[in-house]
Amino acid sequence: MPTIKVKLNQVDDATTAAQIRNHAIDIDRPEAKGGNDKGAMGGELLLASLGGCFNSNLLAAVRARDLDIDDIAIEVSGELAEAPARFAAIDMVVTSAFADRAEFEKLVLMCERACIVANTLKGSVDLTVSVG
């Protein structure tokens, strides 16, 4: 079974550096939350991971079908639960000016099912994906 691995190290009193293949990402908190604001918070990165994973699948599907779509935009928002600290709900809205809306909706549904992050979150959080 394939494995995905990331390495993380403390940088300072509030910052963590993640090494992902040849990419580095700093993870921190805003100053208002006791951090140094050197990077996004983990929860923000989780939302970005969902959108990025989904769009990676969507772009691969667009290329495989030789479709002319070059304006995909995704907005992911998460509603926080009170306790324990976690997302209670996540909403992802995918937009494009692609002329064939029915085809685009079919692609979005297919790519939601193929997204590792979406599949991991389902069952743990109320996840909705829609076409805007």
Protein backbone atom coordinates (compact mmCIF):
# COMPACT_ATOMS: atom_id res chain seq x y z
CA MET A 1 0.00 0.00 0.00
CA PRO A 2 1.51 3.41 -0.98
CA THR A 3 2.48 5.84 1.77
CA ILE A 4 2.74 9.63 1.73
CA LYS A 5 5.22 11.13 4.18
CA VAL A 6 5.97 14.69 5.33
CA LYS A 7 8.69 15.82 7.74
CA LEU A 8 8.22 18.67 10.21
CA ASN A 9 10.66 20.52 12.48
CA GLN A 10 10.34 23.31 15.02
CA VAL A 11 11.73 26.61 13.69
CA ASP A 12 11.14 28.88 16.68
CA ASP A 13 8.74 29.34 19.59
CA ALA A 14 5.66 29.25 17.34
CA THR A 15 6.72 28.18 13.84
CA THR A 16 6.99 24.73 12.30
CA ALA A 17 8.63 23.98 8.95
CA ALA A 18 7.14 21.19 6.87
CA GLN A 19 9.29 19.52 4.21
CA ILE A 20 7.17 17.95 1.47
CA ARG A 21 9.33 16.38 -1.25
CA ASN A 22 11.23 19.45 -2.61
CA HIS A 23 8.84 21.98 -1.08
CA ALA A 24 8.97 23.80 2.25
CA ILE A 25 5.95 25.25 4.03
CA ASP A 26 5.99 27.27 7.24
CA ILE A 27 3.13 26.70 9.65
CA ASP A 28 2.40 29.28 12.33
CA ARG A 29 -0.33 31.29 14.02
CA PRO A 30 -1.24 34.95 13.60
CA GLU A 31 0.33 37.28 16.15
CA ALA A 32 -3.13 37.81 17.69
CA LYS A 33 -3.16 34.08 18.54
CA GLY A 34 0.35 34.04 20.02
CA GLY A 35 2.24 33.19 16.86
CA ASN A 36 4.78 34.97 14.69
CA ASP A 37 2.59 35.00 11.54
CA LYS A 38 5.33 33.34 9.45
CA GLY A 39 2.90 30.97 7.77
CA ALA A 40 -0.64 29.71 7.57
CA MET A 41 -2.28 27.88 10.47
CA GLY A 42 -2.80 24.13 10.25
CA GLY A 43 -6.55 24.51 9.79
CA GLU A 44 -6.03 26.91 6.91
CA LEU A 45 -3.62 24.43 5.33
CA LEU A 46 -6.19 21.67 5.73
CA LEU A 47 -8.70 23.75 3.75
CA ALA A 48 -6.02 24.55 1.15
CA SER A 49 -5.11 20.85 0.97
CA LEU A 50 -8.72 19.96 0.26
CA GLY A 51 -9.03 22.57 -2.49
CA GLY A 52 -5.63 21.76 -3.95
CA CYS A 53 -6.19 17.99 -3.96
CA PHE A 54 -9.60 18.43 -5.55
CA ASN A 55 -8.33 20.86 -8.21
CA SER A 56 -5.39 18.61 -9.05
CA ASN A 57 -7.89 15.86 -9.89
CA LEU A 58 -10.12 18.30 -11.75
CA LEU A 59 -7.27 19.66 -13.88
CA ALA A 60 -6.17 16.10 -14.73
CA ALA A 61 -9.74 15.28 -15.82
CA VAL A 62 -9.91 18.47 -17.91
CA ARG A 63 -6.61 17.58 -19.65
CA ALA A 64 -7.69 13.96 -20.22
CA ARG A 65 -10.84 15.19 -21.98
CA ASP A 66 -9.01 17.96 -23.85
CA LEU A 67 -11.51 20.54 -22.57
CA ASP A 68 -10.94 24.27 -22.84
CA ILE A 69 -11.21 25.28 -19.19
CA ASP A 70 -8.66 27.73 -17.82
CA ASP A 71 -10.51 29.77 -15.21
CA ILE A 72 -11.33 27.37 -12.36
CA ALA A 73 -11.64 29.08 -8.99
CA ILE A 74 -12.28 27.36 -5.68
CA GLU A 75 -13.32 28.81 -2.34
CA VAL A 76 -13.15 26.58 0.72
CA SER A 77 -14.56 27.69 4.07
CA GLY A 78 -14.67 25.84 7.35
CA GLU A 79 -17.07 26.32 10.25
CA LEU A 80 -15.41 25.66 13.60
CA ALA A 81 -16.99 23.62 16.38
CA GLU A 82 -16.77 24.87 19.95
CA ALA A 83 -15.16 21.81 21.56
CA PRO A 84 -13.09 19.94 20.85
CA ALA A 85 -11.27 22.27 18.44
CA ARG A 86 -12.13 20.99 14.96
CA PHE A 87 -14.07 21.79 11.82
CA ALA A 88 -17.77 20.97 12.15
CA ALA A 89 -18.49 21.70 8.49
CA ILE A 90 -16.50 22.48 5.36
CA ASP A 91 -17.98 24.00 2.21
CA MET A 92 -16.16 24.06 -1.12
CA VAL A 93 -17.54 26.05 -4.05
CA VAL A 94 -16.03 25.48 -7.49
CA THR A 95 -16.60 28.02 -10.27
CA SER A 96 -15.72 28.31 -13.95
CA ALA A 97 -17.16 30.08 -16.97
CA PHE A 98 -17.04 26.77 -18.90
CA ALA A 99 -20.00 26.83 -21.29
CA ASP A 100 -21.24 23.28 -20.62
CA ARG A 101 -22.41 23.52 -17.01
CA ALA A 102 -23.78 19.96 -16.93
CA GLU A 103 -20.40 18.59 -18.05
CA PHE A 104 -18.61 20.75 -15.47
CA GLU A 105 -20.93 19.54 -12.69
CA LYS A 106 -20.25 15.93 -13.75
CA LEU A 107 -16.49 16.58 -13.59
CA VAL A 108 -16.81 18.18 -10.14
CA LEU A 109 -18.73 15.18 -8.79
CA MET A 110 -16.24 12.73 -10.29
CA CYS A 111 -13.25 14.63 -8.89
CA GLU A 112 -14.79 14.92 -5.44
CA ARG A 113 -14.96 11.11 -5.36
CA ALA A 114 -11.29 10.86 -6.45
CA CYS A 115 -9.90 13.38 -3.96
CA ILE A 116 -7.85 11.74 -1.16
CA VAL A 117 -8.42 14.66 1.21
CA ALA A 118 -12.19 14.82 0.60
CA ASN A 119 -12.50 11.07 1.07
CA THR A 120 -10.53 11.28 4.32
CA LEU A 121 -12.70 14.10 5.70
CA LYS A 122 -16.06 12.57 4.77
CA GLY A 123 -17.65 10.94 7.78
CA SER A 124 -15.69 13.17 10.16
CA VAL A 125 -17.01 16.52 9.03
CA ASP A 126 -20.06 17.77 7.13
CA LEU A 127 -18.42 18.29 3.72
CA THR A 128 -20.32 19.91 0.85
CA VAL A 129 -18.98 20.51 -2.63
CA SER A 130 -20.96 22.61 -5.08
CA VAL A 131 -20.66 24.41 -8.40
CA GLY A 132 -21.06 28.17 -8.05
